[in-house]
């Protein structure tokens, strides 16, 4: 009889409304923490993919820099690098500058400026600065 009473008491405690509510709340809390962990997993996956892409880009840049470095190691490559980087020419070379008339930003200077235009220039210099 005592065994039956103890079993009955345990069953009443386990199947009571309070214990069911407590178990339900625990389940909800566990599900919430699982969802947060899933969100973190998705964020980490995205970060990993971004870092892999960035790593590939950096590896490509390193390969291009190594190719450029190998090209600079030759005499011809060094000369082309120096010529493109610094404004230098060899002895006896000259520079030819070609201006396009359509894109020419330099305007012609007139030698005959009248007195009114001179006064306007002076006026603009004094009061616009």
Protein backbone atom coordinates (compact mmCIF):
# COMPACT_ATOMS: atom_id res chain seq x y z
CA UNK A 1 0.00 0.00 0.00
CA UNK A 2 2.84 2.37 0.79
CA UNK A 3 4.35 1.78 -2.60
CA UNK A 4 1.07 2.65 -4.24
CA UNK A 5 0.74 5.83 -2.16
CA UNK A 6 4.28 6.90 -3.05
CA UNK A 7 3.67 6.25 -6.74
CA UNK A 8 0.42 8.15 -6.54
CA UNK A 9 2.14 11.09 -4.84
CA UNK A 10 4.91 11.18 -7.45
CA UNK A 11 2.39 11.02 -10.29
CA UNK A 12 0.30 13.79 -8.81
CA UNK A 13 3.41 15.98 -8.51
CA UNK A 14 4.61 15.20 -12.02
CA UNK A 15 1.25 15.60 -13.71
CA UNK A 16 0.11 18.62 -11.79
CA UNK A 17 -0.59 21.87 -13.64
CA UNK A 18 2.29 23.65 -11.94
CA UNK A 19 4.85 21.08 -13.05
CA UNK A 20 3.47 21.10 -16.62
CA UNK A 21 3.71 24.90 -16.73
CA UNK A 22 7.27 24.78 -15.40
CA UNK A 23 8.23 22.19 -18.02
CA UNK A 24 6.57 24.27 -20.74
CA UNK A 25 8.50 27.37 -19.68
CA UNK A 26 11.74 25.36 -19.67
CA UNK A 27 11.00 24.11 -23.18
CA UNK A 28 10.37 27.64 -24.39
CA UNK A 29 13.62 28.86 -22.84
CA UNK A 30 15.53 26.00 -24.45
CA UNK A 31 13.97 26.71 -27.85
CA UNK A 32 14.84 30.39 -27.52
CA UNK A 33 18.48 29.61 -26.77
CA UNK A 34 18.59 27.17 -29.70
CA UNK A 35 17.25 29.88 -32.03
CA UNK A 36 19.88 32.34 -30.79
CA UNK A 37 22.60 29.75 -31.41
CA UNK A 38 21.24 29.21 -34.91
CA UNK A 39 21.39 32.96 -35.58
CA UNK A 40 25.00 33.02 -34.40
CA UNK A 41 25.80 30.05 -36.64
CA UNK A 42 24.36 31.87 -39.64
CA UNK A 43 26.37 35.02 -38.81
CA UNK A 44 29.57 33.00 -38.47
CA UNK A 45 28.91 31.28 -41.80
CA UNK A 46 28.46 34.65 -43.49
CA UNK A 47 31.64 35.99 -41.90
CA UNK A 48 33.54 32.88 -42.99
CA UNK A 49 32.35 33.29 -46.58
CA UNK A 50 33.28 36.98 -46.56
CA UNK A 51 36.72 36.20 -45.19
CA UNK A 52 37.26 33.52 -47.86
CA UNK A 53 36.37 36.02 -50.58
CA UNK A 54 38.69 38.61 -49.05
CA UNK A 55 41.45 36.00 -48.82
CA UNK A 56 41.07 35.17 -52.53
CA UNK A 57 41.23 38.87 -53.39
CA UNK A 58 44.37 39.34 -51.33
CA UNK A 59 45.97 36.26 -52.88
CA UNK A 60 45.21 37.66 -56.35
CA UNK A 61 46.78 40.99 -55.37
CA UNK A 62 49.86 39.20 -54.05
CA UNK A 63 50.19 37.25 -57.29
CA UNK A 64 49.89 40.45 -59.35
CA UNK A 65 52.49 42.15 -57.14
CA UNK A 66 54.83 39.19 -57.57
CA UNK A 67 54.40 39.35 -61.36
CA UNK A 68 55.09 43.09 -61.30
CA UNK A 69 58.12 42.52 -59.08
CA UNK A 70 59.46 39.87 -61.47
CA UNK A 71 58.94 42.28 -64.37
CA UNK A 72 60.80 45.04 -62.52
CA UNK A 73 63.74 42.71 -61.93
CA UNK A 74 64.55 42.78 -65.66
CA UNK A 75 66.33 45.78 -67.20
CA UNK A 76 63.49 46.57 -69.55
CA UNK A 77 60.87 46.25 -66.81
CA UNK A 78 62.86 48.46 -64.45
CA UNK A 79 63.19 51.12 -67.13
CA UNK A 80 59.46 51.08 -67.91
CA UNK A 81 58.63 51.22 -64.19
CA UNK A 82 60.92 54.21 -63.62
CA UNK A 83 59.58 56.00 -66.71
CA UNK A 84 55.94 55.53 -65.67
CA UNK A 85 56.55 56.39 -62.03
CA UNK A 86 58.97 59.30 -62.27
CA UNK A 87 59.22 62.08 -64.88
CA UNK A 88 62.62 61.11 -66.30
CA UNK A 89 64.06 60.79 -69.79
CA UNK A 90 67.28 59.40 -71.15
CA UNK A 91 70.02 61.68 -72.28
CA UNK A 92 69.27 62.97 -75.76
CA UNK A 93 65.51 62.28 -75.57
CA UNK A 94 62.88 64.95 -75.81
CA UNK A 95 59.23 65.25 -74.87
CA UNK A 96 56.51 66.08 -77.37
CA UNK A 97 53.26 67.51 -75.98
CA UNK A 98 50.22 67.34 -78.25
CA UNK A 99 47.15 69.40 -77.41
CA UNK A 100 43.74 68.55 -78.75
CA UNK A 101 41.89 71.65 -79.95
CA UNK A 102 38.50 70.37 -78.78
CA UNK A 103 39.70 69.61 -75.26
CA UNK A 104 42.04 72.57 -74.96
CA UNK A 105 41.46 74.25 -71.61
CA UNK A 106 43.93 77.05 -72.30
CA UNK A 107 42.40 80.14 -73.84
CA UNK A 108 44.21 82.55 -76.13
CA UNK A 109 45.63 85.66 -74.49
CA UNK A 110 44.81 88.85 -76.29
CA UNK A 111 47.54 91.43 -76.54
CA UNK A 112 45.17 94.36 -77.12
CA UNK A 113 43.04 94.72 -73.98
CA UNK A 114 41.13 97.99 -73.79
CA UNK A 115 40.94 100.22 -70.73
CA UNK A 116 37.49 99.00 -69.62
CA UNK A 117 38.61 95.39 -69.59
CA UNK A 118 41.71 96.33 -67.55
CA UNK A 119 39.53 98.17 -65.02
CA UNK A 120 37.22 95.16 -64.83
CA UNK A 121 40.19 92.85 -64.18
CA UNK A 122 41.52 95.15 -61.45
CA UNK A 123 38.04 95.46 -59.93
CA UNK A 124 37.65 91.65 -59.82
CA UNK A 125 41.09 91.18 -58.25
CA UNK A 126 40.46 93.75 -55.53
CA UNK A 127 36.89 92.91 -54.54
CA UNK A 128 36.65 89.17 -55.25
CA UNK A 129 39.64 88.18 -53.12
